[in-house]
C-alpha atoms as a PDB file:
ATOM      1  CA  UNK A   1     -53.568  44.710  16.709  1.00  0.00           C
ATOM      2  CA  UNK A   2     -52.550  41.345  15.658  1.00  0.00           C
ATOM      3  CA  UNK A   3     -53.059  39.848  12.265  1.00  0.00           C
ATOM      4  CA  UNK A   4     -52.965  36.228  11.536  1.00  0.00           C
ATOM      5  CA  UNK A   5     -50.899  35.410   8.538  1.00  0.00           C
ATOM      6  CA  UNK A   6     -51.981  32.382   6.725  1.00  0.00           C
ATOM      7  CA  UNK A   7     -49.005  30.428   5.572  1.00  0.00           C
ATOM      8  CA  UNK A   8     -49.403  28.760   2.294  1.00  0.00           C
ATOM      9  CA  UNK A   9     -47.024  25.890   1.771  1.00  0.00           C
ATOM     10  CA  UNK A  10     -44.932  26.287  -1.361  1.00  0.00           C
ATOM     11  CA  UNK A  11     -43.110  23.496  -3.171  1.00  0.00           C
ATOM     12  CA  UNK A  12     -39.808  24.058  -1.350  1.00  0.00           C
ATOM     13  CA  UNK A  13     -41.334  23.434   2.044  1.00  0.00           C
ATOM     14  CA  UNK A  14     -43.363  20.383   1.142  1.00  0.00           C
ATOM     15  CA  UNK A  15     -41.822  17.075   2.202  1.00  0.00           C
ATOM     16  CA  UNK A  16     -40.483  15.092  -0.739  1.00  0.00           C
ATOM     17  CA  UNK A  17     -41.679  11.559  -1.110  1.00  0.00           C
ATOM     18  CA  UNK A  18     -38.961   9.069  -0.288  1.00  0.00           C
ATOM     19  CA  UNK A  19     -37.854   6.723  -3.010  1.00  0.00           C
ATOM     20  CA  UNK A  20     -36.231   3.401  -2.077  1.00  0.00           C
ATOM     21  CA  UNK A  21     -32.473   3.194  -2.455  1.00  0.00           C
ATOM     22  CA  UNK A  22     -31.209   1.013  -5.203  1.00  0.00           C
ATOM     23  CA  UNK A  23     -30.143  -2.418  -4.067  1.00  0.00           C
ATOM     24  CA  UNK A  24     -26.403  -2.912  -3.788  1.00  0.00           C
ATOM     25  CA  UNK A  25     -24.736  -5.394  -6.141  1.00  0.00           C
ATOM     26  CA  UNK A  26     -23.727  -8.507  -4.270  1.00  0.00           C
ATOM     27  CA  UNK A  27     -20.035  -9.002  -3.954  1.00  0.00           C
ATOM     28  CA  UNK A  28     -18.661 -12.459  -3.313  1.00  0.00           C
ATOM     29  CA  UNK A  29     -16.129 -12.495  -0.577  1.00  0.00           C
ATOM     30  CA  UNK A  30     -13.569 -15.313  -0.824  1.00  0.00           C
ATOM     31  CA  UNK A  31     -13.100 -17.507   2.170  1.00  0.00           C
ATOM     32  CA  UNK A  32      -9.805 -17.253   4.098  1.00  0.00           C
ATOM     33  CA  UNK A  33     -10.194 -20.760   5.337  1.00  0.00           C
ATOM     34  CA  UNK A  34      -8.464 -23.581   3.560  1.00  0.00           C
ATOM     35  CA  UNK A  35     -10.777 -25.628   1.254  1.00  0.00           C
ATOM     36  CA  UNK A  36     -12.117 -28.827   2.778  1.00  0.00           C
ATOM     37  CA  UNK A  37      -9.707 -29.358   5.673  1.00  0.00           C
ATOM     38  CA  UNK A  38      -9.325 -33.054   6.093  1.00  0.00           C
ATOM     39  CA  UNK A  39      -6.770 -35.429   7.642  1.00  0.00           C
ATOM     40  CA  UNK A  40      -4.934 -35.737   4.313  1.00  0.00           C
ATOM     41  CA  UNK A  41      -4.799 -31.988   3.941  1.00  0.00           C
ATOM     42  CA  UNK A  42      -3.464 -31.534   7.508  1.00  0.00           C
ATOM     43  CA  UNK A  43      -0.812 -34.214   6.951  1.00  0.00           C
ATOM     44  CA  UNK A  44       0.307 -32.663   3.690  1.00  0.00           C
ATOM     45  CA  UNK A  45       0.469 -29.223   5.268  1.00  0.00           C
ATOM     46  CA  UNK A  46       2.621 -30.466   8.124  1.00  0.00           C
ATOM     47  CA  UNK A  47       4.939 -32.410   5.814  1.00  0.00           C
ATOM     48  CA  UNK A  48       5.327 -29.372   3.595  1.00  0.00           C
ATOM     49  CA  UNK A  49       6.168 -27.183   6.649  1.00  0.00           C
ATOM     50  CA  UNK A  50       8.836 -29.588   7.829  1.00  0.00           C
ATOM     51  CA  UNK A  51      10.360 -29.886   4.416  1.00  0.00           C
ATOM     52  CA  UNK A  52      10.359 -26.092   3.918  1.00  0.00           C
ATOM     53  CA  UNK A  53      11.877 -25.529   7.362  1.00  0.00           C
ATOM     54  CA  UNK A  54      14.806 -27.825   6.421  1.00  0.00           C
ATOM     55  CA  UNK A  55      15.210 -25.937   3.132  1.00  0.00           C
ATOM     56  CA  UNK A  56      15.026 -22.561   4.914  1.00  0.00           C
ATOM     57  CA  UNK A  57      17.660 -23.506   7.528  1.00  0.00           C
ATOM     58  CA  UNK A  58      20.081 -25.030   5.004  1.00  0.00           C
ATOM     59  CA  UNK A  59      19.696 -21.855   2.804  1.00  0.00           C
ATOM     60  CA  UNK A  60      20.476 -19.650   5.897  1.00  0.00           C
ATOM     61  CA  UNK A  61      23.468 -21.838   6.862  1.00  0.00           C
ATOM     62  CA  UNK A  62      24.827 -21.710   3.337  1.00  0.00           C
ATOM     63  CA  UNK A  63      24.174 -17.963   2.805  1.00  0.00           C
ATOM     64  CA  UNK A  64      25.516 -16.800   6.166  1.00  0.00           C
ATOM     65  CA  UNK A  65      28.230 -19.399   6.618  1.00  0.00           C
ATOM     66  CA  UNK A  66      30.972 -16.936   7.590  1.00  0.00           C
ATOM     67  CA  UNK A  67      28.778 -14.956  10.010  1.00  0.00           C
ATOM     68  CA  UNK A  68      27.574 -18.124  11.715  1.00  0.00           C
ATOM     69  CA  UNK A  69      31.127 -19.339  12.009  1.00  0.00           C
ATOM     70  CA  UNK A  70      32.008 -16.069  13.855  1.00  0.00           C
ATOM     71  CA  UNK A  71      29.070 -16.411  16.206  1.00  0.00           C
ATOM     72  CA  UNK A  72      30.081 -20.054  16.932  1.00  0.00           C
ATOM     73  CA  UNK A  73      33.443 -18.756  18.149  1.00  0.00           C
ATOM     74  CA  UNK A  74      31.871 -16.568  20.774  1.00  0.00           C
ATOM     75  CA  UNK A  75      33.066 -17.622  24.271  1.00  0.00           C
ATOM     76  CA  UNK A  76      29.673 -17.052  25.992  1.00  0.00           C
ATOM     77  CA  UNK A  77      27.555 -18.909  23.452  1.00  0.00           C
ATOM     78  CA  UNK A  78      26.106 -21.738  25.539  1.00  0.00           C
ATOM     79  CA  UNK A  79      23.449 -24.307  24.696  1.00  0.00           C
ATOM     80  CA  UNK A  80      20.586 -22.023  25.639  1.00  0.00           C
ATOM     81  CA  UNK A  81      21.770 -19.159  23.556  1.00  0.00           C
ATOM     82  CA  UNK A  82      22.511 -21.489  20.649  1.00  0.00           C
ATOM     83  CA  UNK A  83      18.966 -22.912  20.871  1.00  0.00           C
ATOM     84  CA  UNK A  84      17.589 -19.350  20.963  1.00  0.00           C
ATOM     85  CA  UNK A  85      19.581 -18.449  17.868  1.00  0.00           C
ATOM     86  CA  UNK A  86      18.336 -21.536  15.991  1.00  0.00           C
ATOM     87  CA  UNK A  87      14.751 -20.905  16.922  1.00  0.00           C
ATOM     88  CA  UNK A  88      15.066 -17.244  15.899  1.00  0.00           C
ATOM     89  CA  UNK A  89      16.479 -18.129  12.476  1.00  0.00           C
ATOM     90  CA  UNK A  90      13.758 -20.870  11.946  1.00  0.00           C
ATOM     91  CA  UNK A  91      10.947 -18.368  12.624  1.00  0.00           C
ATOM     92  CA  UNK A  92      11.748 -16.697   9.334  1.00  0.00           C
ATOM     93  CA  UNK A  93      10.221 -19.731   7.552  1.00  0.00           C
ATOM     94  CA  UNK A  94       6.910 -18.925   9.060  1.00  0.00           C
ATOM     95  CA  UNK A  95       6.720 -15.672   7.069  1.00  0.00           C
ATOM     96  CA  UNK A  96       5.877 -17.738   3.982  1.00  0.00           C
ATOM     97  CA  UNK A  97       2.370 -19.085   3.660  1.00  0.00           C
ATOM     98  CA  UNK A  98       1.733 -22.712   2.967  1.00  0.00           C
ATOM     99  CA  UNK A  99      -2.052 -22.691   2.688  1.00  0.00           C
ATOM    100  CA  UNK A 100      -3.971 -22.300  -0.552  1.00  0.00           C
ATOM    101  CA  UNK A 101      -4.586 -18.816  -1.662  1.00  0.00           C
ATOM    102  CA  UNK A 102      -7.915 -17.093  -1.303  1.00  0.00           C
ATOM    103  CA  UNK A 103      -8.366 -17.198  -5.103  1.00  0.00           C
ATOM    104  CA  UNK A 104      -8.799 -20.950  -4.874  1.00  0.00           C
ATOM    105  CA  UNK A 105      -5.730 -21.959  -6.741  1.00  0.00           C
ATOM    106  CA  UNK A 106      -3.588 -24.702  -5.303  1.00  0.00           C
ATOM    107  CA  UNK A 107      -0.301 -22.710  -5.664  1.00  0.00           C
ATOM    108  CA  UNK A 108       1.107 -20.940  -2.630  1.00  0.00           C
ATOM    109  CA  UNK A 109       4.427 -19.452  -1.678  1.00  0.00           C
ATOM    110  CA  UNK A 110       5.903 -22.619  -0.251  1.00  0.00           C
ATOM    111  CA  UNK A 111       4.908 -24.664  -3.236  1.00  0.00           C
ATOM    112  CA  UNK A 112       6.495 -22.056  -5.578  1.00  0.00           C
ATOM    113  CA  UNK A 113       9.774 -22.064  -3.581  1.00  0.00           C
ATOM    114  CA  UNK A 114       9.832 -25.773  -3.222  1.00  0.00           C
ATOM    115  CA  UNK A 115       9.068 -26.315  -6.936  1.00  0.00           C
ATOM    116  CA  UNK A 116       5.902 -28.377  -6.293  1.00  0.00           C
END
């Protein structure tokens, strides 16, 4: 004999009404692009890069004078290897940023180093 059991829903089994999630606070994300890129801005950036590269190379030549003198005496240092050495040393200047910071201030690493 089979008896049908009537199932009475209790509170635990009842689906809960969904409440909307609270809205997230908006966070302003700063732009990584330079502010108002214009012809004057581009020219200033390029001039600053050239000026900083000269400063960087003269600092390296002064700081590593003895080491560079030893390298210069190498018998197999030809024009192509010398150009590669110079280019490799100059790449170090690219580590420093010359564009405005994301916080919107006009100061950047190159300006600080160059005292501008």
